[in-house]
C-alpha atoms as a PDB file:
ATOM      1  CA  MET A   1      -1.982 -33.829 -83.282  1.00  0.00           C
ATOM      2  CA  ARG A   2      -3.464 -30.514 -82.361  1.00  0.00           C
ATOM      3  CA  PRO A   3      -1.308 -27.500 -83.248  1.00  0.00           C
ATOM      4  CA  ASN A   4       0.361 -25.512 -80.471  1.00  0.00           C
ATOM      5  CA  ARG A   5       2.651 -22.574 -81.286  1.00  0.00           C
ATOM      6  CA  SER A   6       4.523 -23.120 -78.004  1.00  0.00           C
ATOM      7  CA  ILE A   7       6.018 -26.500 -79.008  1.00  0.00           C
ATOM      8  CA  PRO A   8       7.657 -27.751 -82.214  1.00  0.00           C
ATOM      9  CA  ASP A   9       5.224 -29.576 -84.500  1.00  0.00           C
ATOM     10  CA  ALA A  10       7.575 -32.526 -85.108  1.00  0.00           C
ATOM     11  CA  ALA A  11       6.393 -35.855 -83.694  1.00  0.00           C
ATOM     12  CA  VAL A  12       9.779 -36.616 -82.104  1.00  0.00           C
ATOM     13  CA  VAL A  13      11.843 -33.812 -80.583  1.00  0.00           C
ATOM     14  CA  PRO A  14      15.207 -34.580 -78.948  1.00  0.00           C
ATOM     15  CA  VAL A  15      16.123 -32.483 -75.912  1.00  0.00           C
ATOM     16  CA  LEU A  16      19.883 -32.030 -75.538  1.00  0.00           C
ATOM     17  CA  ILE A  17      21.548 -30.546 -72.465  1.00  0.00           C
ATOM     18  CA  TYR A  18      24.349 -27.980 -72.758  1.00  0.00           C
ATOM     19  CA  PRO A  19      26.381 -26.150 -70.113  1.00  0.00           C
ATOM     20  CA  ASP A  20      25.686 -22.814 -71.897  1.00  0.00           C
ATOM     21  CA  VAL A  21      22.397 -22.686 -73.817  1.00  0.00           C
ATOM     22  CA  ARG A  22      23.087 -19.355 -75.593  1.00  0.00           C
ATOM     23  CA  ALA A  23      26.570 -20.444 -76.726  1.00  0.00           C
ATOM     24  CA  ALA A  24      25.085 -23.731 -77.962  1.00  0.00           C
ATOM     25  CA  VAL A  25      22.336 -21.967 -79.922  1.00  0.00           C
ATOM     26  CA  ASP A  26      24.843 -19.566 -81.499  1.00  0.00           C
ATOM     27  CA  TRP A  27      27.165 -22.417 -82.451  1.00  0.00           C
ATOM     28  CA  LEU A  28      24.440 -24.794 -83.726  1.00  0.00           C
ATOM     29  CA  THR A  29      22.921 -22.081 -85.933  1.00  0.00           C
ATOM     30  CA  ALA A  30      26.336 -21.086 -87.323  1.00  0.00           C
ATOM     31  CA  ALA A  31      27.771 -24.587 -87.769  1.00  0.00           C
ATOM     32  CA  PHE A  32      24.725 -26.691 -88.643  1.00  0.00           C
ATOM     33  CA  GLY A  33      22.358 -24.064 -90.080  1.00  0.00           C
ATOM     34  CA  PHE A  34      19.549 -24.504 -87.559  1.00  0.00           C
ATOM     35  CA  ALA A  35      17.149 -21.639 -86.858  1.00  0.00           C
ATOM     36  CA  GLU A  36      16.048 -20.559 -83.405  1.00  0.00           C
ATOM     37  CA  ARG A  37      12.262 -20.821 -83.059  1.00  0.00           C
ATOM     38  CA  VAL A  38      11.443 -20.054 -79.396  1.00  0.00           C
ATOM     39  CA  ARG A  39      13.670 -18.755 -76.587  1.00  0.00           C
ATOM     40  CA  ILE A  40      12.627 -19.608 -73.018  1.00  0.00           C
ATOM     41  CA  GLY A  41      14.225 -17.366 -70.429  1.00  0.00           C
ATOM     42  CA  ALA A  42      17.609 -15.766 -70.938  1.00  0.00           C
ATOM     43  CA  ASP A  43      19.503 -19.064 -70.874  1.00  0.00           C
ATOM     44  CA  HIS A  44      17.069 -21.822 -69.801  1.00  0.00           C
ATOM     45  CA  ARG A  45      15.933 -23.437 -73.072  1.00  0.00           C
ATOM     46  CA  SER A  46      15.631 -22.852 -76.779  1.00  0.00           C
ATOM     47  CA  GLN A  47      13.691 -24.571 -79.551  1.00  0.00           C
ATOM     48  CA  LEU A  48      15.559 -24.911 -82.842  1.00  0.00           C
ATOM     49  CA  ARG A  49      14.232 -25.775 -86.287  1.00  0.00           C
ATOM     50  CA  ALA A  50      16.144 -28.330 -88.310  1.00  0.00           C
ATOM     51  CA  GLY A  51      14.398 -28.623 -91.675  1.00  0.00           C
ATOM     52  CA  GLU A  52      11.003 -30.159 -90.890  1.00  0.00           C
ATOM     53  CA  GLY A  53      12.275 -31.379 -87.508  1.00  0.00           C
ATOM     54  CA  ALA A  54      13.235 -29.746 -84.262  1.00  0.00           C
ATOM     55  CA  VAL A  55      15.577 -30.028 -81.308  1.00  0.00           C
ATOM     56  CA  ILE A  56      15.312 -28.423 -77.883  1.00  0.00           C
ATOM     57  CA  ILE A  57      18.443 -27.125 -76.168  1.00  0.00           C
ATOM     58  CA  GLY A  58      18.223 -27.270 -72.364  1.00  0.00           C
ATOM     59  CA  ASP A  59      20.391 -26.020 -69.539  1.00  0.00           C
ATOM     60  CA  VAL A  60      22.270 -28.032 -66.918  1.00  0.00           C
ATOM     61  CA  ARG A  61      19.995 -28.238 -63.896  1.00  0.00           C
ATOM     62  CA  ASP A  62      19.078 -30.786 -61.213  1.00  0.00           C
ATOM     63  CA  THR A  63      19.802 -34.204 -62.786  1.00  0.00           C
ATOM     64  CA  ARG A  64      20.269 -32.889 -66.344  1.00  0.00           C
ATOM     65  CA  ARG A  65      23.899 -32.991 -67.449  1.00  0.00           C
ATOM     66  CA  ALA A  66      25.740 -32.406 -70.705  1.00  0.00           C
ATOM     67  CA  PRO A  67      27.610 -35.413 -72.116  1.00  0.00           C
ATOM     68  CA  ARG A  68      31.124 -36.151 -70.936  1.00  0.00           C
ATOM     69  CA  TRP A  69      33.881 -36.213 -73.557  1.00  0.00           C
ATOM     70  CA  GLY A  70      34.617 -39.688 -74.776  1.00  0.00           C
ATOM     71  CA  GLU A  71      31.146 -41.050 -73.936  1.00  0.00           C
ATOM     72  CA  VAL A  72      28.275 -41.270 -76.395  1.00  0.00           C
ATOM     73  CA  THR A  73      24.874 -41.980 -74.881  1.00  0.00           C
ATOM     74  CA  ALA A  74      22.770 -40.666 -77.766  1.00  0.00           C
ATOM     75  CA  SER A  75      23.099 -39.107 -81.184  1.00  0.00           C
ATOM     76  CA  VAL A  76      20.815 -37.106 -83.436  1.00  0.00           C
ATOM     77  CA  MET A  77      20.357 -37.729 -87.155  1.00  0.00           C
ATOM     78  CA  VAL A  78      19.306 -34.859 -89.412  1.00  0.00           C
ATOM     79  CA  ARG A  79      18.477 -35.203 -93.102  1.00  0.00           C
ATOM     80  CA  VAL A  80      19.990 -32.553 -95.369  1.00  0.00           C
ATOM     81  CA  ASP A  81      20.021 -31.893 -99.123  1.00  0.00           C
ATOM     82  CA  ASP A  82      23.807 -31.660 -99.596  1.00  0.00           C
ATOM     83  CA  VAL A  83      26.101 -33.471 -97.152  1.00  0.00           C
ATOM     84  CA  HIS A  84      29.314 -32.096 -98.679  1.00  0.00           C
ATOM     85  CA  ALA A  85      28.197 -28.460 -98.339  1.00  0.00           C
ATOM     86  CA  HIS A  86      26.884 -29.096 -94.836  1.00  0.00           C
ATOM     87  CA  PHE A  87      30.123 -30.856 -93.872  1.00  0.00           C
ATOM     88  CA  ALA A  88      32.197 -27.894 -95.120  1.00  0.00           C
ATOM     89  CA  ARG A  89      30.095 -25.442 -93.100  1.00  0.00           C
ATOM     90  CA  ALA A  90      30.324 -27.510 -89.905  1.00  0.00           C
ATOM     91  CA  ALA A  91      34.070 -28.076 -90.270  1.00  0.00           C
ATOM     92  CA  SER A  92      34.662 -24.361 -90.858  1.00  0.00           C
ATOM     93  CA  GLN A  93      32.892 -23.617 -87.564  1.00  0.00           C
ATOM     94  CA  GLY A  94      35.092 -26.027 -85.611  1.00  0.00           C
ATOM     95  CA  ALA A  95      32.886 -29.127 -85.447  1.00  0.00           C
ATOM     96  CA  ARG A  96      34.975 -32.164 -84.475  1.00  0.00           C
ATOM     97  CA  ILE A  97      34.538 -34.555 -87.368  1.00  0.00           C
ATOM     98  CA  VAL A  98      33.970 -38.128 -86.205  1.00  0.00           C
ATOM     99  CA  MET A  99      33.271 -39.589 -89.672  1.00  0.00           C
ATOM    100  CA  GLU A 100      33.976 -37.921 -93.027  1.00  0.00           C
ATOM    101  CA  PRO A 101      31.193 -37.972 -95.666  1.00  0.00           C
ATOM    102  CA  THR A 102      30.686 -41.612 -96.616  1.00  0.00           C
ATOM    103  CA  ASP A 103      28.324 -43.314 -99.076  1.00  0.00           C
ATOM    104  CA  PHE A 104      26.457 -46.330 -97.689  1.00  0.00           C
ATOM    105  CA  PRO A 105      24.753 -49.239 -99.500  1.00  0.00           C
ATOM    106  CA  TYR A 106      21.392 -48.229 -98.020  1.00  0.00           C
ATOM    107  CA  GLY A 107      21.322 -45.150-100.282  1.00  0.00           C
ATOM    108  CA  GLU A 108      22.570 -42.468 -97.886  1.00  0.00           C
ATOM    109  CA  ARG A 109      25.665 -40.257 -97.783  1.00  0.00           C
ATOM    110  CA  GLN A 110      26.444 -39.373 -94.174  1.00  0.00           C
ATOM    111  CA  TYR A 111      28.964 -37.658 -91.942  1.00  0.00           C
ATOM    112  CA  THR A 112      29.114 -37.431 -88.160  1.00  0.00           C
ATOM    113  CA  ALA A 113      30.340 -34.496 -86.093  1.00  0.00           C
ATOM    114  CA  GLU A 114      30.579 -33.599 -82.413  1.00  0.00           C
ATOM    115  CA  ASP A 115      29.383 -30.198 -81.318  1.00  0.00           C
ATOM    116  CA  LEU A 116      30.926 -27.882 -78.744  1.00  0.00           C
ATOM    117  CA  ALA A 117      29.467 -29.879 -75.823  1.00  0.00           C
ATOM    118  CA  GLY A 118      30.238 -33.347 -77.187  1.00  0.00           C
ATOM    119  CA  HIS A 119      26.820 -34.315 -78.606  1.00  0.00           C
ATOM    120  CA  GLN A 120      27.125 -36.408 -81.776  1.00  0.00           C
ATOM    121  CA  TRP A 121      25.172 -35.436 -84.874  1.00  0.00           C
ATOM    122  CA  THR A 122      24.897 -37.476 -88.082  1.00  0.00           C
ATOM    123  CA  PHE A 123      23.820 -35.599 -91.206  1.00  0.00           C
ATOM    124  CA  SER A 124      22.365 -37.718 -93.988  1.00  0.00           C
ATOM    125  CA  GLU A 125      21.724 -37.007 -97.681  1.00  0.00           C
ATOM    126  CA  THR A 126      19.557 -39.448 -99.630  1.00  0.00           C
ATOM    127  CA  LEU A 127      21.295 -40.579-102.816  1.00  0.00           C
ATOM    128  CA  GLU A 128      18.684 -43.086-103.982  1.00  0.00           C
ATOM    129  CA  ASP A 129      15.680 -45.092-102.825  1.00  0.00           C
ATOM    130  CA  VAL A 130      16.986 -48.530-101.824  1.00  0.00           C
ATOM    131  CA  ALA A 131      14.942 -51.534-100.664  1.00  0.00           C
ATOM    132  CA  PRO A 132      16.105 -52.576 -97.159  1.00  0.00           C
ATOM    133  CA  GLU A 133      16.347 -56.204 -98.275  1.00  0.00           C
ATOM    134  CA  SER A 134      19.079 -55.303-100.804  1.00  0.00           C
ATOM    135  CA  TRP A 135      21.560 -54.453 -98.033  1.00  0.00           C
ATOM    136  CA  GLY A 136      20.465 -56.886 -95.318  1.00  0.00           C
ATOM    137  CA  GLY A 137      17.621 -55.006 -93.657  1.00  0.00           C
ATOM    138  CA  THR A 138      14.082 -56.244 -93.173  1.00  0.00           C
ATOM    139  CA  LEU A 139      11.054 -54.019 -93.840  1.00  0.00           C
ATOM    140  CA  VAL A 140       8.784 -54.870 -90.912  1.00  0.00           C
ATOM    141  CA  SER A 141       6.029 -52.293 -91.354  1.00  0.00           C
ATOM    142  CA  PRO A 142       5.739 -50.108 -94.456  1.00  0.00           C
ATOM    143  CA  ASP A 143       4.789 -46.472 -93.814  1.00  0.00           C
END
């Protein structure tokens, strides 16, 4: 890929819609530790850094709508170094915890939280390198 300073350099970038972009950016940086990268207009869009990844926060407009409470149409997974510390930060900022930190047989410790607009986020800490076949997965194409 050619570099472009106007777009995140991650290969996959989720775009999530919020009723108030600035409130979402403030909350996501405080609760989840993201960093704002580019602001587009006063309240139209924002690009956030999440480790080596990125997420774009967009406004409600035309056919774009924020999720409705009680419905999950998508979620975002973010890898972090310390799930327990991240969980404590998110909980202290009012994130609605959907799943407490849990260790899984595929070598990850994860928790899931809903943000102020109802988007679900799963944060994952790698505990060990585990072969997919050991827990019932199938490695189809190695990286």
